[in-house]
C-alpha atoms as a PDB file:
ATOM      1  CA  MET A   1      12.744 -28.661 -29.403  1.00  0.00           C
ATOM      2  CA  SER A   2       9.806 -26.556 -30.487  1.00  0.00           C
ATOM      3  CA  THR A   3       7.202 -27.503 -33.043  1.00  0.00           C
ATOM      4  CA  ARG A   4       7.848 -25.978 -36.445  1.00  0.00           C
ATOM      5  CA  SER A   5       4.747 -24.597 -38.142  1.00  0.00           C
ATOM      6  CA  ARG A   6       6.097 -25.242 -41.618  1.00  0.00           C
ATOM      7  CA  PHE A   7       5.619 -28.990 -41.142  1.00  0.00           C
ATOM      8  CA  LYS A   8       2.014 -29.558 -42.087  1.00  0.00           C
ATOM      9  CA  GLY A   9       0.014 -32.322 -40.475  1.00  0.00           C
ATOM     10  CA  SER A  10       0.311 -33.728 -37.005  1.00  0.00           C
ATOM     11  CA  SER A  11       2.473 -36.678 -38.071  1.00  0.00           C
ATOM     12  CA  GLY A  12       5.200 -34.498 -39.568  1.00  0.00           C
ATOM     13  CA  VAL A  13       5.254 -32.210 -36.532  1.00  0.00           C
ATOM     14  CA  PHE A  14       5.276 -35.175 -34.187  1.00  0.00           C
ATOM     15  CA  LEU A  15       8.152 -36.747 -36.099  1.00  0.00           C
ATOM     16  CA  TYR A  16      10.099 -33.493 -35.944  1.00  0.00           C
ATOM     17  CA  GLN A  17       9.702 -33.486 -32.158  1.00  0.00           C
ATOM     18  CA  ALA A  18      10.504 -37.202 -31.842  1.00  0.00           C
ATOM     19  CA  VAL A  19      13.912 -37.226 -33.566  1.00  0.00           C
ATOM     20  CA  PRO A  20      15.882 -35.450 -30.791  1.00  0.00           C
ATOM     21  CA  ARG A  21      14.020 -37.518 -28.176  1.00  0.00           C
ATOM     22  CA  ARG A  22      15.218 -40.725 -29.859  1.00  0.00           C
ATOM     23  CA  TYR A  23      18.827 -39.716 -29.262  1.00  0.00           C
ATOM     24  CA  ARG A  24      18.249 -38.758 -25.647  1.00  0.00           C
ATOM     25  CA  LEU A  25      16.970 -42.323 -25.218  1.00  0.00           C
ATOM     26  CA  ALA A  26      20.168 -43.711 -26.819  1.00  0.00           C
ATOM     27  CA  HIS A  27      18.290 -44.773 -29.947  1.00  0.00           C
ATOM     28  CA  GLN A  28      20.953 -43.448 -32.315  1.00  0.00           C
ATOM     29  CA  ARG A  29      19.652 -45.020 -35.488  1.00  0.00           C
ATOM     30  CA  ASN A  30      17.219 -43.237 -37.742  1.00  0.00           C
ATOM     31  CA  ARG A  31      15.346 -44.945 -40.546  1.00  0.00           C
ATOM     32  CA  VAL A  32      12.646 -43.137 -42.458  1.00  0.00           C
ATOM     33  CA  ALA A  33      10.200 -45.710 -43.736  1.00  0.00           C
ATOM     34  CA  ILE A  34       7.521 -43.200 -44.617  1.00  0.00           C
ATOM     35  CA  LEU A  35       9.018 -41.215 -47.451  1.00  0.00           C
ATOM     36  CA  LYS A  36       6.947 -38.079 -47.019  1.00  0.00           C
ATOM     37  CA  TRP A  37       8.754 -37.159 -43.769  1.00  0.00           C
ATOM     38  CA  THR A  38      12.360 -37.400 -44.953  1.00  0.00           C
ATOM     39  CA  GLU A  39      12.689 -33.606 -45.072  1.00  0.00           C
ATOM     40  CA  GLU A  40      11.405 -33.241 -41.502  1.00  0.00           C
ATOM     41  CA  VAL A  41      13.896 -35.798 -40.211  1.00  0.00           C
ATOM     42  CA  GLY A  42      16.714 -33.988 -42.022  1.00  0.00           C
ATOM     43  CA  VAL A  43      15.767 -30.636 -40.503  1.00  0.00           C
ATOM     44  CA  ALA A  44      15.325 -32.179 -37.053  1.00  0.00           C
ATOM     45  CA  ILE A  45      18.778 -33.780 -37.238  1.00  0.00           C
ATOM     46  CA  LYS A  46      20.336 -30.529 -38.442  1.00  0.00           C
ATOM     47  CA  GLU A  47      18.672 -28.369 -35.783  1.00  0.00           C
ATOM     48  CA  SER A  48      19.083 -30.841 -32.910  1.00  0.00           C
ATOM     49  CA  GLY A  49      22.751 -30.022 -32.393  1.00  0.00           C
ATOM     50  CA  ILE A  50      23.594 -33.727 -32.231  1.00  0.00           C
ATOM     51  CA  PRO A  51      26.892 -34.420 -34.047  1.00  0.00           C
ATOM     52  CA  ARG A  52      26.258 -36.115 -37.398  1.00  0.00           C
ATOM     53  CA  GLU A  53      28.932 -38.745 -36.766  1.00  0.00           C
ATOM     54  CA  VAL A  54      26.964 -40.246 -33.841  1.00  0.00           C
ATOM     55  CA  ILE A  55      23.786 -40.623 -35.868  1.00  0.00           C
ATOM     56  CA  PHE A  56      23.237 -43.677 -38.081  1.00  0.00           C
ATOM     57  CA  VAL A  57      20.930 -42.665 -40.930  1.00  0.00           C
ATOM     58  CA  THR A  58      19.303 -45.134 -43.305  1.00  0.00           C
ATOM     59  CA  ALA A  59      17.737 -44.107 -46.602  1.00  0.00           C
ATOM     60  CA  LYS A  60      15.092 -46.307 -48.171  1.00  0.00           C
ATOM     61  CA  VAL A  61      14.838 -46.641 -51.950  1.00  0.00           C
ATOM     62  CA  PHE A  62      12.184 -48.464 -53.960  1.00  0.00           C
ATOM     63  CA  GLU A  63      13.550 -48.038 -57.466  1.00  0.00           C
ATOM     64  CA  GLY A  64      15.435 -50.632 -59.492  1.00  0.00           C
ATOM     65  CA  LEU A  65      19.220 -50.838 -59.749  1.00  0.00           C
ATOM     66  CA  ASP A  66      19.414 -48.476 -62.740  1.00  0.00           C
ATOM     67  CA  ASP A  67      17.541 -45.749 -60.876  1.00  0.00           C
ATOM     68  CA  MET A  68      19.468 -46.062 -57.629  1.00  0.00           C
ATOM     69  CA  PRO A  69      22.059 -43.259 -58.031  1.00  0.00           C
ATOM     70  CA  PRO A  70      19.422 -40.538 -58.620  1.00  0.00           C
ATOM     71  CA  SER A  71      17.231 -42.006 -55.876  1.00  0.00           C
ATOM     72  CA  ILE A  72      20.125 -41.898 -53.393  1.00  0.00           C
ATOM     73  CA  GLN A  73      20.946 -38.321 -54.412  1.00  0.00           C
ATOM     74  CA  ASN A  74      17.291 -37.398 -53.908  1.00  0.00           C
ATOM     75  CA  SER A  75      17.408 -38.848 -50.377  1.00  0.00           C
ATOM     76  CA  LEU A  76      20.600 -36.919 -49.571  1.00  0.00           C
ATOM     77  CA  THR A  77      18.975 -33.704 -50.785  1.00  0.00           C
ATOM     78  CA  LYS A  78      15.846 -34.304 -48.716  1.00  0.00           C
ATOM     79  CA  PHE A  79      17.865 -35.213 -45.609  1.00  0.00           C
ATOM     80  CA  GLN A  80      20.187 -32.213 -46.180  1.00  0.00           C
ATOM     81  CA  LEU A  81      23.117 -34.556 -45.558  1.00  0.00           C
ATOM     82  CA  ASP A  82      26.361 -35.327 -47.376  1.00  0.00           C
ATOM     83  CA  TYR A  83      26.047 -39.051 -46.750  1.00  0.00           C
ATOM     84  CA  VAL A  84      23.837 -41.746 -45.271  1.00  0.00           C
ATOM     85  CA  ASP A  85      25.186 -44.763 -43.430  1.00  0.00           C
ATOM     86  CA  LEU A  86      23.014 -47.380 -45.084  1.00  0.00           C
ATOM     87  CA  ILE A  87      20.909 -47.652 -48.226  1.00  0.00           C
ATOM     88  CA  GLN A  88      17.960 -49.984 -47.757  1.00  0.00           C
ATOM     89  CA  VAL A  89      16.583 -51.401 -50.981  1.00  0.00           C
ATOM     90  CA  ALA A  90      12.937 -51.940 -50.121  1.00  0.00           C
ATOM     91  CA  SER A  91      10.956 -54.887 -51.362  1.00  0.00           C
ATOM     92  CA  PHE A  92       7.518 -55.998 -50.426  1.00  0.00           C
ATOM     93  CA  ASN A  93       7.094 -58.713 -47.830  1.00  0.00           C
ATOM     94  CA  GLY A  94       4.109 -60.947 -47.248  1.00  0.00           C
ATOM     95  CA  SER A  95       4.454 -60.908 -43.464  1.00  0.00           C
ATOM     96  CA  THR A  96       1.636 -59.401 -41.462  1.00  0.00           C
ATOM     97  CA  PRO A  97       2.007 -57.391 -38.250  1.00  0.00           C
ATOM     98  CA  ILE A  98       0.503 -59.245 -35.308  1.00  0.00           C
ATOM     99  CA  THR A  99      -1.763 -56.273 -34.623  1.00  0.00           C
ATOM    100  CA  LYS A 100      -3.637 -56.945 -37.893  1.00  0.00           C
ATOM    101  CA  ALA A 101      -4.720 -60.407 -36.742  1.00  0.00           C
ATOM    102  CA  ARG A 102      -6.120 -59.621 -33.297  1.00  0.00           C
ATOM    103  CA  PRO A 103      -7.585 -61.301 -31.437  1.00  0.00           C
ATOM    104  CA  GLY A 104      -5.276 -64.168 -32.171  1.00  0.00           C
ATOM    105  CA  PRO A 105      -3.707 -67.186 -30.496  1.00  0.00           C
ATOM    106  CA  LEU A 106      -0.766 -65.192 -29.109  1.00  0.00           C
ATOM    107  CA  GLY A 107      -2.881 -62.474 -27.449  1.00  0.00           C
ATOM    108  CA  ASP A 108      -3.456 -64.207 -24.105  1.00  0.00           C
ATOM    109  CA  ILE A 109       0.165 -65.352 -23.839  1.00  0.00           C
ATOM    110  CA  LEU A 110       1.496 -61.845 -24.493  1.00  0.00           C
ATOM    111  CA  ALA A 111      -0.977 -60.295 -22.047  1.00  0.00           C
ATOM    112  CA  GLU A 112       0.012 -62.764 -19.323  1.00  0.00           C
ATOM    113  CA  ILE A 113       3.771 -62.232 -19.797  1.00  0.00           C
ATOM    114  CA  ALA A 114       3.333 -58.446 -20.053  1.00  0.00           C
ATOM    115  CA  ALA A 115       1.314 -58.294 -16.827  1.00  0.00           C
ATOM    116  CA  ARG A 116       3.755 -60.494 -14.913  1.00  0.00           C
ATOM    117  CA  ARG A 117       6.876 -58.709 -16.210  1.00  0.00           C
ATOM    118  CA  GLN A 118       5.364 -55.194 -16.268  1.00  0.00           C
ATOM    119  CA  VAL A 119       6.558 -54.568 -19.820  1.00  0.00           C
ATOM    120  CA  PRO A 120       4.708 -53.718 -23.042  1.00  0.00           C
ATOM    121  CA  GLU A 121       3.720 -56.553 -25.382  1.00  0.00           C
ATOM    122  CA  ASN A 122       5.827 -55.200 -28.239  1.00  0.00           C
ATOM    123  CA  ALA A 123       8.921 -55.393 -25.985  1.00  0.00           C
ATOM    124  CA  ILE A 124       8.164 -59.083 -25.444  1.00  0.00           C
ATOM    125  CA  LEU A 125       7.927 -59.701 -29.185  1.00  0.00           C
ATOM    126  CA  ILE A 126      11.166 -57.838 -29.907  1.00  0.00           C
ATOM    127  CA  SER A 127      12.925 -59.704 -27.099  1.00  0.00           C
ATOM    128  CA  TRP A 128      11.675 -63.020 -28.512  1.00  0.00           C
ATOM    129  CA  GLN A 129      12.998 -62.101 -31.967  1.00  0.00           C
ATOM    130  CA  ILE A 130      16.415 -61.339 -30.477  1.00  0.00           C
ATOM    131  CA  THR A 131      16.476 -64.729 -28.699  1.00  0.00           C
ATOM    132  CA  GLN A 132      15.812 -66.323 -32.105  1.00  0.00           C
ATOM    133  CA  ASN A 133      18.861 -64.494 -33.526  1.00  0.00           C
ATOM    134  CA  PHE A 134      16.789 -62.234 -35.766  1.00  0.00           C
ATOM    135  CA  VAL A 135      18.144 -58.824 -36.644  1.00  0.00           C
ATOM    136  CA  VAL A 136      15.449 -56.514 -35.329  1.00  0.00           C
ATOM    137  CA  THR A 137      14.721 -53.208 -37.025  1.00  0.00           C
ATOM    138  CA  THR A 138      12.209 -50.992 -35.283  1.00  0.00           C
ATOM    139  CA  THR A 139      10.490 -47.917 -36.598  1.00  0.00           C
ATOM    140  CA  THR A 140       7.957 -45.599 -35.083  1.00  0.00           C
ATOM    141  CA  THR A 141       6.486 -42.131 -35.263  1.00  0.00           C
ATOM    142  CA  LYS A 142       5.252 -42.418 -31.665  1.00  0.00           C
ATOM    143  CA  VAL A 143       7.516 -41.163 -28.898  1.00  0.00           C
ATOM    144  CA  GLY A 144       5.826 -43.488 -26.380  1.00  0.00           C
ATOM    145  CA  ARG A 145       7.048 -46.555 -28.254  1.00  0.00           C
ATOM    146  CA  LEU A 146      10.650 -45.427 -27.875  1.00  0.00           C
ATOM    147  CA  GLU A 147      10.412 -46.074 -24.133  1.00  0.00           C
ATOM    148  CA  ASP A 148       8.956 -49.497 -24.962  1.00  0.00           C
ATOM    149  CA  TYR A 149      12.044 -50.282 -27.043  1.00  0.00           C
ATOM    150  CA  VAL A 150      14.268 -49.373 -24.106  1.00  0.00           C
ATOM    151  CA  ALA A 151      12.373 -51.984 -22.020  1.00  0.00           C
ATOM    152  CA  VAL A 152      13.710 -54.700 -24.347  1.00  0.00           C
ATOM    153  CA  VAL A 153      17.237 -54.163 -23.025  1.00  0.00           C
ATOM    154  CA  ARG A 154      16.161 -55.100 -19.496  1.00  0.00           C
ATOM    155  CA  LEU A 155      13.936 -58.026 -20.532  1.00  0.00           C
ATOM    156  CA  ASN A 156      15.239 -61.596 -20.553  1.00  0.00           C
ATOM    157  CA  LEU A 157      12.508 -64.037 -21.511  1.00  0.00           C
ATOM    158  CA  SER A 158      12.657 -67.439 -19.824  1.00  0.00           C
ATOM    159  CA  ARG A 159      13.029 -70.549 -21.982  1.00  0.00           C
ATOM    160  CA  GLU A 160       9.415 -71.426 -21.129  1.00  0.00           C
ATOM    161  CA  GLU A 161       8.163 -68.004 -22.301  1.00  0.00           C
ATOM    162  CA  GLN A 162      10.211 -68.266 -25.491  1.00  0.00           C
ATOM    163  CA  GLU A 163       8.834 -71.737 -26.188  1.00  0.00           C
ATOM    164  CA  LYS A 164       5.205 -70.651 -25.674  1.00  0.00           C
ATOM    165  CA  ILE A 165       5.634 -67.891 -28.252  1.00  0.00           C
ATOM    166  CA  THR A 166       7.491 -70.205 -30.643  1.00  0.00           C
ATOM    167  CA  GLN A 167       4.802 -72.899 -30.483  1.00  0.00           C
ATOM    168  CA  VAL A 168       2.080 -70.387 -31.330  1.00  0.00           C
ATOM    169  CA  GLY A 169       4.186 -69.262 -34.282  1.00  0.00           C
ATOM    170  CA  LEU A 170       4.059 -72.780 -35.698  1.00  0.00           C
ATOM    171  CA  MET A 171       0.261 -72.680 -35.871  1.00  0.00           C
ATOM    172  CA  PRO A 172      -1.773 -71.459 -38.873  1.00  0.00           C
ATOM    173  CA  TYR A 173      -1.393 -67.762 -39.367  1.00  0.00           C
ATOM    174  CA  PHE A 174      -3.066 -64.719 -40.836  1.00  0.00           C
ATOM    175  CA  ARG A 175      -1.888 -63.133 -44.101  1.00  0.00           C
ATOM    176  CA  ALA A 176      -3.189 -59.631 -44.825  1.00  0.00           C
ATOM    177  CA  TRP A 177      -0.970 -58.627 -47.748  1.00  0.00           C
ATOM    178  CA  VAL A 178      -2.089 -60.049 -51.139  1.00  0.00           C
ATOM    179  CA  PRO A 179      -3.421 -63.310 -49.661  1.00  0.00           C
ATOM    180  CA  ASP A 180      -4.662 -64.450 -53.081  1.00  0.00           C
ATOM    181  CA  ARG A 181      -1.079 -64.602 -54.406  1.00  0.00           C
ATOM    182  CA  PHE A 182       0.330 -66.984 -51.808  1.00  0.00           C
ATOM    183  CA  ASP A 183      -0.396 -70.554 -50.866  1.00  0.00           C
ATOM    184  CA  LEU A 184      -1.815 -70.713 -47.335  1.00  0.00           C
ATOM    185  CA  ASN A 185       1.277 -72.634 -46.164  1.00  0.00           C
ATOM    186  CA  ASN A 186       3.796 -70.239 -47.753  1.00  0.00           C
ATOM    187  CA  ARG A 187       5.522 -68.451 -44.882  1.00  0.00           C
ATOM    188  CA  PHE A 188       7.994 -66.451 -46.956  1.00  0.00           C
END
């Protein structure tokens, strides 16, 4: 799919190119977490030729319950769709991405497993989450990460690898989002 000049900024253009690629990689779920690119995703879906019924589209809303109907309609208009498959009501979370706390206690363990298994570190973390029965939701604007997500399907962490990651998770941790509002031991 060609780059469309009407999408200003490299991120919007990149996203427009990435949407069809996601589906070629069997990643048939599309969630737009960054609201400014909803229109680009809608156009990319429309112009990709992929049947709408095989695409799972999630809209994200931040408004309160009273403002939800107009917010949902706004998302449908931006996506140029008649329906979305899921409405995600967004709320802020105090969790911090591991990349914000580097170097950290998990860095060496991830590097060792990644080198031995020949997989990216983020695939290891997603695989660990799945073994812990977490529902994993991934998002990206980088096409290269889509291949990383595919690596998760082939990765089965050993019990020893899972336990190493789990034990590090029980240690003190780093909070980047409003640290002054949470007790240091509050993990929610």
